[in-house]
Amino acid sequence: MFSIIGILLVFACVITGYLMEKGKLGVLVQPSELVTIGGAAIGTVLAANPMYVLKKMIAGLMGVIKGSPYTNQRYVETLKMMFDLFAKSRKEGAIAIEGDVEEPDKSPIFSNYPAFLADHHVRDFVCDTMRMVITGGVTAFDTDQMMELDMEIHHHSTNMPGQALTSMADALPGLGIVAAVLGVVVTMGSLGGPPEEIGHKVAAALVGTFLGILLCYGVVGPLAANMSKLVDEEHSYYSVLRVVMLAFIKGVSPIMAVELGRRAIPGHCRPTFAEVEKKCREKVADPATVTSAA
């Protein structure tokens, strides 16, 4: 949401400054220049990226509009979920959570956290790792290596849409110059005509450069930067899960494993010790019981 506000502020300030200098707003409306620049920019993205990257780029732009899902509340719920899972494993044995890991959609623990179940990457990351714990025979070091490899591959994949959008932003000033050169070519072909017509064509050519630079630094570039930050926040979320699970695999108690994970949360959304402790003390609601009672 703030990204949309920022872009609107950019356009508002640019247009206001232009009008303060007695500029004519109609001169900036050059559909042909916009088609040349915008169409060419979209073409470069299509030419440089496979379809799955394009789909992720669109999803990433929607994520920018919605904002980061990794809030203080999301971290608190995640730590509570991991505490419940670890407590069940510690109390009843590792084999007790086999059903939760193998069929997370039917798990009485995971079913209380729809955001976790909806994110299949995170769900698979947790369940695949805990499956190694149940299987046994895998050291904590090897498990950590597997988690690190999984995170590295996922981080590389999620970075690709932002890089594609950045390449588009980098191309926009150059495409603006292309549009301006084409405008100059058209202007040269009109030499000898009325001065007003020549002046209008020169203005249209300059608008091409203006649009290319404005779209690069005022729209596409900031959106690409925001997407990159969201990817970093997602990576931080995975890092917290990695710390929590690795601590438990090493034999740390559930509450201490959760506390280690809390310390790994970025400062701007890190919950307090009291918040996490209070949440962990809450009883787990059995979805089946809740449904039958309703």
C-alpha atoms as a PDB file:
ATOM      1  CA  MET A   1       0.000   0.000   0.000  1.00  0.00           C
ATOM      2  CA  PHE A   2       2.790   2.414   0.878  1.00  0.00           C
ATOM      3  CA  SER A   3       4.410   1.674  -2.492  1.00  0.00           C
ATOM      4  CA  ILE A   4       1.295   2.917  -4.293  1.00  0.00           C
ATOM      5  CA  ILE A   5       1.241   6.032  -2.117  1.00  0.00           C
ATOM      6  CA  GLY A   6       4.927   6.639  -2.857  1.00  0.00           C
ATOM      7  CA  ILE A   7       4.444   6.335  -6.624  1.00  0.00           C
ATOM      8  CA  LEU A   8       1.435   8.669  -6.532  1.00  0.00           C
ATOM      9  CA  LEU A   9       3.526  11.146  -4.526  1.00  0.00           C
ATOM     10  CA  VAL A  10       6.283  10.992  -7.145  1.00  0.00           C
ATOM     11  CA  PHE A  11       3.882  11.827  -9.968  1.00  0.00           C
ATOM     12  CA  ALA A  12       2.089  14.487  -7.913  1.00  0.00           C
ATOM     13  CA  CYS A  13       5.331  16.307  -7.062  1.00  0.00           C
ATOM     14  CA  VAL A  14       6.709  16.106 -10.630  1.00  0.00           C
ATOM     15  CA  ILE A  15       3.482  17.381 -12.179  1.00  0.00           C
ATOM     16  CA  THR A  16       3.052  20.083  -9.524  1.00  0.00           C
ATOM     17  CA  GLY A  17       6.570  21.378 -10.095  1.00  0.00           C
ATOM     18  CA  TYR A  18       5.966  21.374 -13.850  1.00  0.00           C
ATOM     19  CA  LEU A  19       2.744  23.360 -13.474  1.00  0.00           C
ATOM     20  CA  MET A  20       4.428  25.836 -11.116  1.00  0.00           C
ATOM     21  CA  GLU A  21       6.775  26.692 -13.994  1.00  0.00           C
ATOM     22  CA  LYS A  22       3.721  27.449 -16.186  1.00  0.00           C
ATOM     23  CA  GLY A  23       4.145  24.237 -18.157  1.00  0.00           C
ATOM     24  CA  LYS A  24       1.301  22.952 -20.290  1.00  0.00           C
ATOM     25  CA  LEU A  25       0.118  19.612 -19.020  1.00  0.00           C
ATOM     26  CA  GLY A  26      -1.191  18.544 -22.421  1.00  0.00           C
ATOM     27  CA  VAL A  27       2.332  18.528 -23.852  1.00  0.00           C
ATOM     28  CA  LEU A  28       3.262  15.645 -21.506  1.00  0.00           C
ATOM     29  CA  VAL A  29       0.443  13.490 -22.835  1.00  0.00           C
ATOM     30  CA  GLN A  30       2.213  11.653 -25.652  1.00  0.00           C
ATOM     31  CA  PRO A  31       0.601   8.213 -26.127  1.00  0.00           C
ATOM     32  CA  SER A  32       3.001   7.310 -28.949  1.00  0.00           C
ATOM     33  CA  GLU A  33       6.037   7.842 -26.718  1.00  0.00           C
ATOM     34  CA  LEU A  34       4.454   5.789 -23.935  1.00  0.00           C
ATOM     35  CA  VAL A  35       3.659   2.955 -26.336  1.00  0.00           C
ATOM     36  CA  THR A  36       7.234   2.982 -27.664  1.00  0.00           C
ATOM     37  CA  ILE A  37       8.862   2.966 -24.226  1.00  0.00           C
ATOM     38  CA  GLY A  38       6.381   0.793 -22.347  1.00  0.00           C
ATOM     39  CA  GLY A  39       5.973  -1.732 -25.126  1.00  0.00           C
ATOM     40  CA  ALA A  40       9.714  -2.045 -25.671  1.00  0.00           C
ATOM     41  CA  ALA A  41      10.326  -2.419 -21.914  1.00  0.00           C
ATOM     42  CA  ILE A  42       7.769  -5.210 -21.643  1.00  0.00           C
ATOM     43  CA  GLY A  43       9.310  -6.819 -24.714  1.00  0.00           C
ATOM     44  CA  THR A  44      12.771  -6.853 -23.118  1.00  0.00           C
ATOM     45  CA  VAL A  45      11.372  -8.598 -20.046  1.00  0.00           C
ATOM     46  CA  LEU A  46       9.572 -11.186 -22.159  1.00  0.00           C
ATOM     47  CA  ALA A  47      12.711 -11.804 -24.208  1.00  0.00           C
ATOM     48  CA  ALA A  48      15.013 -12.146 -21.202  1.00  0.00           C
ATOM     49  CA  ASN A  49      12.960 -14.321 -18.836  1.00  0.00           C
ATOM     50  CA  PRO A  50      11.157 -17.687 -18.972  1.00  0.00           C
ATOM     51  CA  MET A  51       7.449 -17.898 -18.192  1.00  0.00           C
ATOM     52  CA  TYR A  52       7.819 -19.080 -14.580  1.00  0.00           C
ATOM     53  CA  VAL A  53       9.899 -15.992 -13.739  1.00  0.00           C
ATOM     54  CA  LEU A  54       7.275 -13.738 -15.320  1.00  0.00           C
ATOM     55  CA  LYS A  55       4.547 -15.367 -13.220  1.00  0.00           C
ATOM     56  CA  LYS A  56       6.614 -14.912 -10.081  1.00  0.00           C
ATOM     57  CA  MET A  57       7.255 -11.287 -11.016  1.00  0.00           C
ATOM     58  CA  ILE A  58       3.531 -10.603 -11.231  1.00  0.00           C
ATOM     59  CA  ALA A  59       3.003 -12.374  -7.909  1.00  0.00           C
ATOM     60  CA  GLY A  60       5.854 -10.338  -6.426  1.00  0.00           C
ATOM     61  CA  LEU A  61       4.266  -7.078  -7.559  1.00  0.00           C
ATOM     62  CA  MET A  62       1.016  -8.136  -5.899  1.00  0.00           C
ATOM     63  CA  GLY A  63       3.014  -8.894  -2.769  1.00  0.00           C
ATOM     64  CA  VAL A  64       4.477  -5.381  -2.833  1.00  0.00           C
ATOM     65  CA  ILE A  65       0.959  -3.947  -2.881  1.00  0.00           C
ATOM     66  CA  LYS A  66      -0.191  -6.178  -0.012  1.00  0.00           C
ATOM     67  CA  GLY A  67       2.911  -5.620   2.096  1.00  0.00           C
ATOM     68  CA  SER A  68       5.135  -8.027   3.990  1.00  0.00           C
ATOM     69  CA  PRO A  69       3.350 -10.996   5.623  1.00  0.00           C
ATOM     70  CA  TYR A  70       6.221 -11.460   8.084  1.00  0.00           C
ATOM     71  CA  THR A  71       4.877  -9.345  10.898  1.00  0.00           C
ATOM     72  CA  ASN A  72       5.299  -9.553  14.659  1.00  0.00           C
ATOM     73  CA  GLN A  73       2.108 -11.613  14.884  1.00  0.00           C
ATOM     74  CA  ARG A  74       3.280 -14.050  12.199  1.00  0.00           C
ATOM     75  CA  TYR A  75       6.517 -14.692  14.077  1.00  0.00           C
ATOM     76  CA  VAL A  76       4.719 -15.182  17.398  1.00  0.00           C
ATOM     77  CA  GLU A  77       2.328 -17.704  15.843  1.00  0.00           C
ATOM     78  CA  THR A  78       5.207 -19.516  14.144  1.00  0.00           C
ATOM     79  CA  LEU A  79       7.178 -19.841  17.378  1.00  0.00           C
ATOM     80  CA  LYS A  80       4.054 -21.075  19.150  1.00  0.00           C
ATOM     81  CA  MET A  81       3.492 -23.667  16.419  1.00  0.00           C
ATOM     82  CA  MET A  82       7.050 -24.944  16.630  1.00  0.00           C
ATOM     83  CA  PHE A  83       6.849 -25.067  20.438  1.00  0.00           C
ATOM     84  CA  ASP A  84       3.693 -27.200  20.268  1.00  0.00           C
ATOM     85  CA  LEU A  85       5.312 -29.535  17.755  1.00  0.00           C
ATOM     86  CA  PHE A  86       8.497 -29.884  19.788  1.00  0.00           C
ATOM     87  CA  ALA A  87       6.609 -30.335  23.066  1.00  0.00           C
ATOM     88  CA  LYS A  88       4.576 -33.170  21.560  1.00  0.00           C
ATOM     89  CA  SER A  89       7.738 -34.803  20.241  1.00  0.00           C
ATOM     90  CA  ARG A  90       9.549 -34.413  23.573  1.00  0.00           C
ATOM     91  CA  LYS A  91       6.588 -35.744  25.580  1.00  0.00           C
ATOM     92  CA  GLU A  92       5.404 -38.622  23.383  1.00  0.00           C
ATOM     93  CA  GLY A  93       8.506 -39.375  21.327  1.00  0.00           C
ATOM     94  CA  ALA A  94       9.565 -38.335  17.833  1.00  0.00           C
ATOM     95  CA  ILE A  95       7.318 -40.942  16.230  1.00  0.00           C
ATOM     96  CA  ALA A  96       4.275 -39.126  17.699  1.00  0.00           C
ATOM     97  CA  ILE A  97       4.643 -36.236  15.227  1.00  0.00           C
ATOM     98  CA  GLU A  98       4.958 -38.487  12.191  1.00  0.00           C
ATOM     99  CA  GLY A  99       1.302 -37.951  11.304  1.00  0.00           C
ATOM    100  CA  ASP A 100       1.680 -34.167  11.633  1.00  0.00           C
ATOM    101  CA  VAL A 101       4.699 -34.151   9.342  1.00  0.00           C
ATOM    102  CA  GLU A 102       3.397 -36.610   6.753  1.00  0.00           C
ATOM    103  CA  GLU A 103      -0.066 -35.039   6.459  1.00  0.00           C
ATOM    104  CA  PRO A 104       0.198 -31.444   7.704  1.00  0.00           C
ATOM    105  CA  ASP A 105      -3.285 -30.569   6.364  1.00  0.00           C
ATOM    106  CA  LYS A 106      -4.777 -33.068   8.821  1.00  0.00           C
ATOM    107  CA  SER A 107      -2.457 -32.214  11.704  1.00  0.00           C
ATOM    108  CA  PRO A 108      -4.213 -30.996  14.874  1.00  0.00           C
ATOM    109  CA  ILE A 109      -1.229 -28.698  15.429  1.00  0.00           C
ATOM    110  CA  PHE A 110      -0.660 -27.247  11.963  1.00  0.00           C
ATOM    111  CA  SER A 111      -4.401 -26.864  11.305  1.00  0.00           C
ATOM    112  CA  ASN A 112      -4.442 -24.008  13.799  1.00  0.00           C
ATOM    113  CA  TYR A 113      -2.090 -22.027  11.554  1.00  0.00           C
ATOM    114  CA  PRO A 114      -3.665 -21.503   8.098  1.00  0.00           C
ATOM    115  CA  ALA A 115      -0.956 -19.053   7.024  1.00  0.00           C
ATOM    116  CA  PHE A 116       1.631 -21.803   7.511  1.00  0.00           C
ATOM    117  CA  LEU A 117      -0.386 -24.378   5.565  1.00  0.00           C
ATOM    118  CA  ALA A 118      -1.075 -21.914   2.746  1.00  0.00           C
ATOM    119  CA  ASP A 119       2.648 -21.307   2.171  1.00  0.00           C
ATOM    120  CA  HIS A 120       3.685 -24.647   0.711  1.00  0.00           C
ATOM    121  CA  HIS A 121       7.378 -23.698   0.550  1.00  0.00           C
ATOM    122  CA  VAL A 122       7.552 -23.037   4.296  1.00  0.00           C
ATOM    123  CA  ARG A 123       5.364 -26.048   5.053  1.00  0.00           C
ATOM    124  CA  ASP A 124       7.611 -28.372   3.055  1.00  0.00           C
ATOM    125  CA  PHE A 125      10.738 -26.821   4.580  1.00  0.00           C
ATOM    126  CA  VAL A 126       9.539 -27.593   8.110  1.00  0.00           C
ATOM    127  CA  CYS A 127       7.982 -30.975   7.397  1.00  0.00           C
ATOM    128  CA  ASP A 128      10.884 -32.278   5.316  1.00  0.00           C
ATOM    129  CA  THR A 129      13.350 -31.275   8.017  1.00  0.00           C
ATOM    130  CA  MET A 130      11.341 -32.806  10.852  1.00  0.00           C
ATOM    131  CA  ARG A 131      10.944 -35.944   8.762  1.00  0.00           C
ATOM    132  CA  MET A 132      14.725 -36.349   9.013  1.00  0.00           C
ATOM    133  CA  VAL A 133      14.413 -36.150  12.797  1.00  0.00           C
ATOM    134  CA  ILE A 134      11.804 -38.907  12.841  1.00  0.00           C
ATOM    135  CA  THR A 135      13.781 -41.104  10.456  1.00  0.00           C
ATOM    136  CA  GLY A 136      16.922 -40.835  12.562  1.00  0.00           C
ATOM    137  CA  GLY A 137      20.487 -41.572  11.552  1.00  0.00           C
ATOM    138  CA  VAL A 138      21.065 -38.001  10.330  1.00  0.00           C
ATOM    139  CA  THR A 139      23.366 -35.797  12.387  1.00  0.00           C
ATOM    140  CA  ALA A 140      22.518 -32.224  13.339  1.00  0.00           C
ATOM    141  CA  PHE A 141      25.356 -30.996  11.119  1.00  0.00           C
ATOM    142  CA  ASP A 142      24.024 -32.838   8.069  1.00  0.00           C
ATOM    143  CA  THR A 143      20.500 -31.607   8.741  1.00  0.00           C
ATOM    144  CA  ASP A 144      21.788 -28.055   9.001  1.00  0.00           C
ATOM    145  CA  GLN A 145      23.590 -28.474   5.679  1.00  0.00           C
ATOM    146  CA  MET A 146      20.366 -29.663   4.051  1.00  0.00           C
ATOM    147  CA  MET A 147      18.431 -26.708   5.444  1.00  0.00           C
ATOM    148  CA  GLU A 148      21.121 -24.288   4.281  1.00  0.00           C
ATOM    149  CA  LEU A 149      21.078 -25.772   0.782  1.00  0.00           C
ATOM    150  CA  ASP A 150      17.286 -25.627   0.654  1.00  0.00           C
ATOM    151  CA  MET A 151      17.303 -21.979   1.747  1.00  0.00           C
ATOM    152  CA  GLU A 152      20.007 -21.050  -0.744  1.00  0.00           C
ATOM    153  CA  ILE A 153      18.102 -22.577  -3.674  1.00  0.00           C
ATOM    154  CA  HIS A 154      14.834 -20.970  -2.603  1.00  0.00           C
ATOM    155  CA  HIS A 155      16.463 -17.569  -2.065  1.00  0.00           C
ATOM    156  CA  HIS A 156      18.018 -17.696  -5.523  1.00  0.00           C
ATOM    157  CA  SER A 157      14.653 -18.592  -7.055  1.00  0.00           C
ATOM    158  CA  THR A 158      12.748 -15.834  -5.260  1.00  0.00           C
ATOM    159  CA  ASN A 159      15.389 -13.253  -6.216  1.00  0.00           C
ATOM    160  CA  MET A 160      14.966 -13.832  -9.947  1.00  0.00           C
ATOM    161  CA  PRO A 161      11.699 -11.840 -10.393  1.00  0.00           C
ATOM    162  CA  GLY A 162      13.225  -8.814  -8.658  1.00  0.00           C
ATOM    163  CA  GLN A 163      16.309  -9.045 -10.831  1.00  0.00           C
ATOM    164  CA  ALA A 164      14.098  -9.217 -13.930  1.00  0.00           C
ATOM    165  CA  LEU A 165      12.242  -6.078 -12.838  1.00  0.00           C
ATOM    166  CA  THR A 166      15.546  -4.345 -12.108  1.00  0.00           C
ATOM    167  CA  SER A 167      16.784  -5.134 -15.626  1.00  0.00           C
ATOM    168  CA  MET A 168      13.591  -3.586 -16.951  1.00  0.00           C
ATOM    169  CA  ALA A 169      14.208  -0.448 -14.905  1.00  0.00           C
ATOM    170  CA  ASP A 170      17.786  -0.258 -16.192  1.00  0.00           C
ATOM    171  CA  ALA A 171      16.518  -0.444 -19.777  1.00  0.00           C
ATOM    172  CA  LEU A 172      13.942   2.339 -19.456  1.00  0.00           C
ATOM    173  CA  PRO A 173      16.302   5.369 -19.723  1.00  0.00           C
ATOM    174  CA  GLY A 174      17.885   3.891 -22.843  1.00  0.00           C
ATOM    175  CA  LEU A 175      14.473   3.162 -24.337  1.00  0.00           C
ATOM    176  CA  GLY A 176      13.495   6.741 -23.538  1.00  0.00           C
ATOM    177  CA  ILE A 177      16.457   7.902 -25.597  1.00  0.00           C
ATOM    178  CA  VAL A 178      15.351   5.593 -28.419  1.00  0.00           C
ATOM    179  CA  ALA A 179      11.900   7.193 -28.340  1.00  0.00           C
ATOM    180  CA  ALA A 180      13.497  10.659 -28.301  1.00  0.00           C
ATOM    181  CA  VAL A 181      15.702   9.820 -31.301  1.00  0.00           C
ATOM    182  CA  LEU A 182      12.674   8.599 -33.208  1.00  0.00           C
ATOM    183  CA  GLY A 183      10.952  11.862 -32.319  1.00  0.00           C
ATOM    184  CA  VAL A 184      13.919  13.817 -33.674  1.00  0.00           C
ATOM    185  CA  VAL A 185      13.778  11.774 -36.878  1.00  0.00           C
ATOM    186  CA  VAL A 186      10.111  12.675 -37.265  1.00  0.00           C
ATOM    187  CA  THR A 187      10.933  16.313 -36.515  1.00  0.00           C
ATOM    188  CA  MET A 188      13.668  16.423 -39.173  1.00  0.00           C
ATOM    189  CA  GLY A 189      11.176  15.117 -41.666  1.00  0.00           C
ATOM    190  CA  SER A 190       8.907  18.062 -40.880  1.00  0.00           C
ATOM    191  CA  LEU A 191      11.484  20.815 -41.407  1.00  0.00           C
ATOM    192  CA  GLY A 192      10.074  23.633 -43.471  1.00  0.00           C
ATOM    193  CA  GLY A 193       6.639  23.253 -41.918  1.00  0.00           C
ATOM    194  CA  PRO A 194       4.938  25.615 -39.452  1.00  0.00           C
ATOM    195  CA  PRO A 195       7.095  26.486 -36.409  1.00  0.00           C
ATOM    196  CA  GLU A 196       4.273  25.385 -34.079  1.00  0.00           C
ATOM    197  CA  GLU A 197       4.258  21.900 -35.590  1.00  0.00           C
ATOM    198  CA  ILE A 198       8.034  21.559 -35.353  1.00  0.00           C
ATOM    199  CA  GLY A 199       7.996  22.778 -31.751  1.00  0.00           C
ATOM    200  CA  HIS A 200       5.302  20.246 -30.850  1.00  0.00           C
ATOM    201  CA  LYS A 201       7.333  17.384 -32.349  1.00  0.00           C
ATOM    202  CA  VAL A 202      10.507  18.466 -30.514  1.00  0.00           C
ATOM    203  CA  ALA A 203       8.546  18.592 -27.260  1.00  0.00           C
ATOM    204  CA  ALA A 204       7.165  15.106 -27.927  1.00  0.00           C
ATOM    205  CA  ALA A 205      10.685  13.801 -28.511  1.00  0.00           C
ATOM    206  CA  LEU A 206      11.903  15.261 -25.210  1.00  0.00           C
ATOM    207  CA  VAL A 207       8.915  13.753 -23.407  1.00  0.00           C
ATOM    208  CA  GLY A 208      10.222  10.334 -24.454  1.00  0.00           C
ATOM    209  CA  THR A 209      13.445  10.871 -22.516  1.00  0.00           C
ATOM    210  CA  PHE A 210      11.467  12.299 -19.609  1.00  0.00           C
ATOM    211  CA  LEU A 211       9.146   9.287 -19.416  1.00  0.00           C
ATOM    212  CA  GLY A 212      11.989   6.785 -19.634  1.00  0.00           C
ATOM    213  CA  ILE A 213      13.863   8.352 -16.722  1.00  0.00           C
ATOM    214  CA  LEU A 214      10.727   8.941 -14.628  1.00  0.00           C
ATOM    215  CA  LEU A 215       9.463   5.383 -15.029  1.00  0.00           C
ATOM    216  CA  CYS A 216      12.922   4.016 -14.213  1.00  0.00           C
ATOM    217  CA  TYR A 217      13.674   5.978 -11.033  1.00  0.00           C
ATOM    218  CA  GLY A 218      10.127   6.809  -9.958  1.00  0.00           C
ATOM    219  CA  VAL A 219       8.172   3.612 -10.580  1.00  0.00           C
ATOM    220  CA  VAL A 220       9.874   0.414 -11.734  1.00  0.00           C
ATOM    221  CA  GLY A 221      13.144   0.862  -9.833  1.00  0.00           C
ATOM    222  CA  PRO A 222      11.464   1.430  -6.435  1.00  0.00           C
ATOM    223  CA  LEU A 223       9.110  -1.507  -7.011  1.00  0.00           C
ATOM    224  CA  ALA A 224      12.082  -3.769  -7.793  1.00  0.00           C
ATOM    225  CA  ALA A 225      13.849  -2.562  -4.636  1.00  0.00           C
ATOM    226  CA  ASN A 226      10.732  -3.275  -2.567  1.00  0.00           C
ATOM    227  CA  MET A 227      10.482  -6.778  -4.026  1.00  0.00           C
ATOM    228  CA  SER A 228      14.105  -7.382  -3.086  1.00  0.00           C
ATOM    229  CA  LYS A 229      13.412  -6.330   0.502  1.00  0.00           C
ATOM    230  CA  LEU A 230      10.434  -8.686   0.703  1.00  0.00           C
ATOM    231  CA  VAL A 231      12.676 -11.530  -0.467  1.00  0.00           C
ATOM    232  CA  ASP A 232      15.165 -10.661   2.281  1.00  0.00           C
ATOM    233  CA  GLU A 233      12.362 -10.687   4.858  1.00  0.00           C
ATOM    234  CA  GLU A 234      11.266 -14.107   3.663  1.00  0.00           C
ATOM    235  CA  HIS A 235      14.854 -15.343   3.945  1.00  0.00           C
ATOM    236  CA  SER A 236      14.994 -14.024   7.520  1.00  0.00           C
ATOM    237  CA  TYR A 237      11.825 -15.988   8.294  1.00  0.00           C
ATOM    238  CA  TYR A 238      13.435 -19.179   6.986  1.00  0.00           C
ATOM    239  CA  SER A 239      16.530 -18.434   9.063  1.00  0.00           C
ATOM    240  CA  VAL A 240      14.419 -18.291  12.212  1.00  0.00           C
ATOM    241  CA  LEU A 241      12.857 -21.667  11.401  1.00  0.00           C
ATOM    242  CA  ARG A 242      16.306 -23.071  10.761  1.00  0.00           C
ATOM    243  CA  VAL A 243      17.620 -21.856  14.107  1.00  0.00           C
ATOM    244  CA  VAL A 244      14.611 -23.242  15.982  1.00  0.00           C
ATOM    245  CA  MET A 245      14.697 -26.675  14.363  1.00  0.00           C
ATOM    246  CA  LEU A 246      18.466 -27.033  14.580  1.00  0.00           C
ATOM    247  CA  ALA A 247      18.408 -26.166  18.278  1.00  0.00           C
ATOM    248  CA  PHE A 248      15.755 -28.808  18.963  1.00  0.00           C
ATOM    249  CA  ILE A 249      17.626 -31.413  16.900  1.00  0.00           C
ATOM    250  CA  LYS A 250      20.687 -30.756  19.057  1.00  0.00           C
ATOM    251  CA  GLY A 251      18.669 -31.624  22.153  1.00  0.00           C
ATOM    252  CA  VAL A 252      17.712 -28.167  23.403  1.00  0.00           C
ATOM    253  CA  SER A 253      14.382 -27.987  25.250  1.00  0.00           C
ATOM    254  CA  PRO A 254      11.372 -26.691  23.251  1.00  0.00           C
ATOM    255  CA  ILE A 255      11.122 -23.406  25.129  1.00  0.00           C
ATOM    256  CA  MET A 256      14.856 -22.716  24.755  1.00  0.00           C
ATOM    257  CA  ALA A 257      14.741 -23.594  21.047  1.00  0.00           C
ATOM    258  CA  VAL A 258      11.913 -21.092  20.629  1.00  0.00           C
ATOM    259  CA  GLU A 259      13.880 -18.445  22.540  1.00  0.00           C
ATOM    260  CA  LEU A 260      16.887 -18.961  20.279  1.00  0.00           C
ATOM    261  CA  GLY A 261      14.577 -18.486  17.300  1.00  0.00           C
ATOM    262  CA  ARG A 262      13.135 -15.310  18.829  1.00  0.00           C
ATOM    263  CA  ARG A 263      16.629 -13.858  19.097  1.00  0.00           C
ATOM    264  CA  ALA A 264      17.132 -14.484  15.362  1.00  0.00           C
ATOM    265  CA  ILE A 265      14.067 -12.415  14.376  1.00  0.00           C
ATOM    266  CA  PRO A 266      14.849  -8.994  12.809  1.00  0.00           C
ATOM    267  CA  GLY A 267      14.611  -6.185  15.339  1.00  0.00           C
ATOM    268  CA  HIS A 268      11.750  -4.256  13.711  1.00  0.00           C
ATOM    269  CA  CYS A 269       9.298  -7.135  14.206  1.00  0.00           C
ATOM    270  CA  ARG A 270      10.874  -9.139  17.044  1.00  0.00           C
ATOM    271  CA  PRO A 271       8.367 -10.008  19.785  1.00  0.00           C
ATOM    272  CA  THR A 272       9.334  -9.703  23.422  1.00  0.00           C
ATOM    273  CA  PHE A 273      10.163 -12.679  25.610  1.00  0.00           C
ATOM    274  CA  ALA A 274       6.907 -12.136  27.533  1.00  0.00           C
ATOM    275  CA  GLU A 275       4.822 -12.182  24.328  1.00  0.00           C
ATOM    276  CA  VAL A 276       6.296 -15.472  23.174  1.00  0.00           C
ATOM    277  CA  GLU A 277       6.121 -17.076  26.616  1.00  0.00           C
ATOM    278  CA  LYS A 278       2.473 -16.071  27.037  1.00  0.00           C
ATOM    279  CA  LYS A 279       1.609 -17.474  23.622  1.00  0.00           C
ATOM    280  CA  CYS A 280       3.443 -20.744  24.271  1.00  0.00           C
ATOM    281  CA  ARG A 281       1.511 -21.252  27.503  1.00  0.00           C
ATOM    282  CA  GLU A 282      -1.808 -21.202  25.639  1.00  0.00           C
ATOM    283  CA  LYS A 283      -3.531 -24.518  25.071  1.00  0.00           C
ATOM    284  CA  VAL A 284      -3.689 -25.858  21.532  1.00  0.00           C
ATOM    285  CA  ALA A 285      -7.229 -25.855  20.180  1.00  0.00           C
ATOM    286  CA  ASP A 286      -8.175 -29.077  18.424  1.00  0.00           C
ATOM    287  CA  PRO A 287      -9.878 -28.069  15.136  1.00  0.00           C
ATOM    288  CA  ALA A 288     -12.039 -31.190  15.186  1.00  0.00           C
ATOM    289  CA  THR A 289     -13.316 -30.338  18.681  1.00  0.00           C
ATOM    290  CA  VAL A 290     -14.003 -26.747  17.712  1.00  0.00           C
ATOM    291  CA  THR A 291     -15.922 -27.839  14.605  1.00  0.00           C
ATOM    292  CA  SER A 292     -18.073 -30.352  16.472  1.00  0.00           C
ATOM    293  CA  ALA A 293     -18.830 -27.824  19.205  1.00  0.00           C
ATOM    294  CA  ALA A 294     -19.958 -25.312  16.585  1.00  0.00           C
END
